[in-house]
Amino acid sequence: MDVLLDILNEMVKAHPTSNFLNSLHQQYCNRGGLSKKQLEGLHSKASKTNNISQGKLATLEAIIKKKPTRERAAATVSAPLPIKDAALGKQIADILEKYPQHKRLLFLRSKFDNNENISALEIAEIEKFGKLLLK
C-alpha cells in the first residue's frame, strides 16, 4: 500500500488544474520519491483538503519527519593574504633591472605581484640569484 501515491491521486482528483500537484504526481511516478520540501508542500495542501483521511496525513507527517534535513554549509573563512616582504620585492626588482629577461625571476615577480605564497625554497632561490647576479 503506497500512502503517498494515494494522497497524490486524491489531491490530483480534488485539484485537477494545480500545476504543483500534477508535477509532484509525475515526479513521484517517474522517480519514485519526493524531497522533504516537496512532501512538506504536499502536506500543507493536503491538510487543507477535506477528503484526505487523518491516518494518511499522519503517515505523511511521519515520512516527512523521517527524511533528513539538509542545510547548506556555512561560508568558509578564507585564509588571510600573505604579507608582502618589501625587501624581497626590492631584491627581485634589482635583479630584473639588470637582467630583465630572467624567466624564473619574472615568474617569481608575477607570484609576488599577485599576492601568491612564495615558498621558502623560492625565497632562497631569489637570494641565490641576488648573490650571483648582483656582485
Protein backbone atom coordinates (compact mmCIF):
# COMPACT_ATOMS: atom_id res chain seq x y z
CA MET A 1 0.00 0.00 0.00
CA ASP A 2 1.52 3.29 -1.11
CA VAL A 3 0.15 6.08 1.05
CA LEU A 4 1.96 8.83 -0.85
CA LEU A 5 0.53 7.70 -4.18
CA ASP A 6 -2.95 7.52 -2.63
CA ILE A 7 -2.62 11.07 -1.29
CA LEU A 8 -1.28 12.34 -4.60
CA ASN A 9 -4.08 10.67 -6.58
CA GLU A 10 -6.74 12.10 -4.26
CA MET A 11 -5.16 15.56 -4.43
CA VAL A 12 -4.99 15.49 -8.24
CA LYS A 13 -8.69 14.48 -8.32
CA ALA A 14 -9.56 17.30 -5.90
CA HIS A 15 -7.44 19.92 -7.71
CA PRO A 16 -7.04 18.82 -11.36
CA THR A 17 -5.72 22.19 -12.57
CA SER A 18 -2.96 22.55 -9.96
CA ASN A 19 0.42 22.54 -11.69
CA PHE A 20 2.18 21.91 -8.38
CA LEU A 21 0.22 18.76 -7.62
CA ASN A 22 0.47 17.47 -11.18
CA SER A 23 4.24 17.93 -11.19
CA LEU A 24 4.56 16.18 -7.80
CA HIS A 25 2.45 13.29 -9.08
CA GLN A 26 4.56 12.98 -12.24
CA GLN A 27 7.82 13.16 -10.33
CA TYR A 28 6.69 10.57 -7.82
CA CYS A 29 5.57 8.22 -10.61
CA ASN A 30 8.78 8.72 -12.63
CA ARG A 31 11.42 8.86 -9.90
CA GLY A 32 9.69 7.01 -7.09
CA GLY A 33 10.16 9.68 -4.42
CA LEU A 34 9.87 13.30 -3.37
CA SER A 35 12.16 15.58 -1.40
CA LYS A 36 11.39 16.73 2.12
CA LYS A 37 10.40 20.21 0.94
CA GLN A 38 8.06 18.75 -1.68
CA LEU A 39 6.48 16.48 0.92
CA GLU A 40 6.00 19.45 3.24
CA GLY A 41 4.27 21.36 0.45
CA LEU A 42 2.07 18.36 -0.27
CA HIS A 43 1.20 18.07 3.43
CA SER A 44 0.20 21.72 3.66
CA LYS A 45 -2.08 21.36 0.61
CA ALA A 46 -3.48 18.00 1.78
CA SER A 47 -4.28 19.29 5.28
CA LYS A 48 -6.50 21.97 3.70
CA THR A 49 -8.41 19.36 1.68
CA ASN A 50 -11.31 17.63 3.49
CA ASN A 51 -11.40 14.29 1.62
CA ILE A 52 -7.98 13.04 2.83
CA SER A 53 -8.14 10.79 5.91
CA GLN A 54 -6.32 11.78 9.09
CA GLY A 55 -4.44 8.48 9.11
CA LYS A 56 -2.89 9.20 5.73
CA LEU A 57 -1.95 12.72 6.85
CA ALA A 58 -0.32 11.26 9.96
CA THR A 59 1.62 8.80 7.80
CA LEU A 60 2.74 11.65 5.55
CA GLU A 61 3.92 13.59 8.64
CA ALA A 62 5.89 10.53 9.79
CA ILE A 63 7.52 10.21 6.37
CA ILE A 64 8.47 13.91 6.46
CA LYS A 65 9.99 13.59 9.95
CA LYS A 66 11.95 10.54 8.84
CA LYS A 67 13.66 12.39 5.96
CA PRO A 68 16.92 14.16 6.81
CA THR A 69 17.03 17.94 6.85
CA ARG A 70 19.76 19.17 4.55
CA GLU A 71 21.30 22.51 5.35
CA ARG A 72 23.83 24.45 3.41
CA ALA A 73 27.28 24.59 4.88
CA ALA A 74 28.33 27.89 6.38
CA ALA A 75 30.67 30.02 4.31
CA THR A 76 34.27 29.14 4.92
CA VAL A 77 36.66 31.75 6.18
CA SER A 78 39.36 32.39 3.62
CA ALA A 79 42.97 32.50 4.68
CA PRO A 80 44.45 35.97 5.02
CA LEU A 81 46.60 37.19 2.16
CA PRO A 82 50.31 36.79 2.74
CA ILE A 83 52.13 39.92 3.82
CA LYS A 84 54.41 41.24 1.11
CA ASP A 85 58.05 41.35 2.06
CA ALA A 86 59.30 44.71 0.78
CA ALA A 87 62.94 43.60 0.88
CA LEU A 88 62.13 40.57 -1.26
CA GLY A 89 60.25 42.75 -3.76
CA LYS A 90 63.16 45.17 -3.93
CA GLN A 91 65.63 42.34 -4.48
CA ILE A 92 63.52 40.93 -7.34
CA ALA A 93 63.25 44.40 -8.87
CA ASP A 94 67.01 44.98 -8.60
CA ILE A 95 67.84 41.70 -10.33
CA LEU A 96 65.26 42.29 -13.07
CA GLU A 97 66.61 45.81 -13.60
CA LYS A 98 69.97 44.33 -14.51
CA TYR A 99 68.60 41.15 -16.22
CA PRO A 100 65.07 41.98 -17.45
CA GLN A 101 64.60 38.72 -19.40
CA HIS A 102 65.36 36.34 -16.50
CA LYS A 103 62.43 33.93 -16.84
CA ARG A 104 62.47 32.43 -13.35
CA LEU A 105 62.55 35.84 -11.71
CA LEU A 106 59.79 37.09 -13.99
CA PHE A 107 57.69 34.15 -12.80
CA LEU A 108 58.51 34.83 -9.15
CA ARG A 109 57.73 38.54 -9.58
CA SER A 110 54.32 37.66 -11.02
CA LYS A 111 53.68 35.45 -7.97
CA PHE A 112 54.82 38.30 -5.72
CA ASP A 113 52.62 40.85 -7.51
CA ASN A 114 49.57 38.55 -7.37
CA ASN A 115 49.94 38.03 -3.60
CA GLU A 116 50.55 34.30 -4.04
CA ASN A 117 52.55 32.43 -1.44
CA ILE A 118 56.26 32.29 -2.18
CA SER A 119 57.80 29.23 -0.59
CA ALA A 120 60.97 29.24 1.45
CA LEU A 121 62.71 27.38 -1.36
CA GLU A 122 61.77 30.12 -3.83
CA ILE A 123 62.94 32.83 -1.42
CA ALA A 124 66.28 31.03 -1.09
CA GLU A 125 66.42 30.85 -4.89
CA ILE A 126 65.88 34.63 -5.16
CA GLU A 127 68.62 35.25 -2.61
CA LYS A 128 70.96 32.93 -4.53
CA PHE A 129 70.24 34.81 -7.78
CA GLY A 130 70.92 38.07 -5.95
CA LYS A 131 74.30 36.86 -4.73
CA LEU A 132 75.30 35.50 -8.14
CA LEU A 133 74.00 38.27 -10.39
CA LEU A 134 74.39 41.43 -8.30
CA LYS A 135 78.10 41.26 -7.44
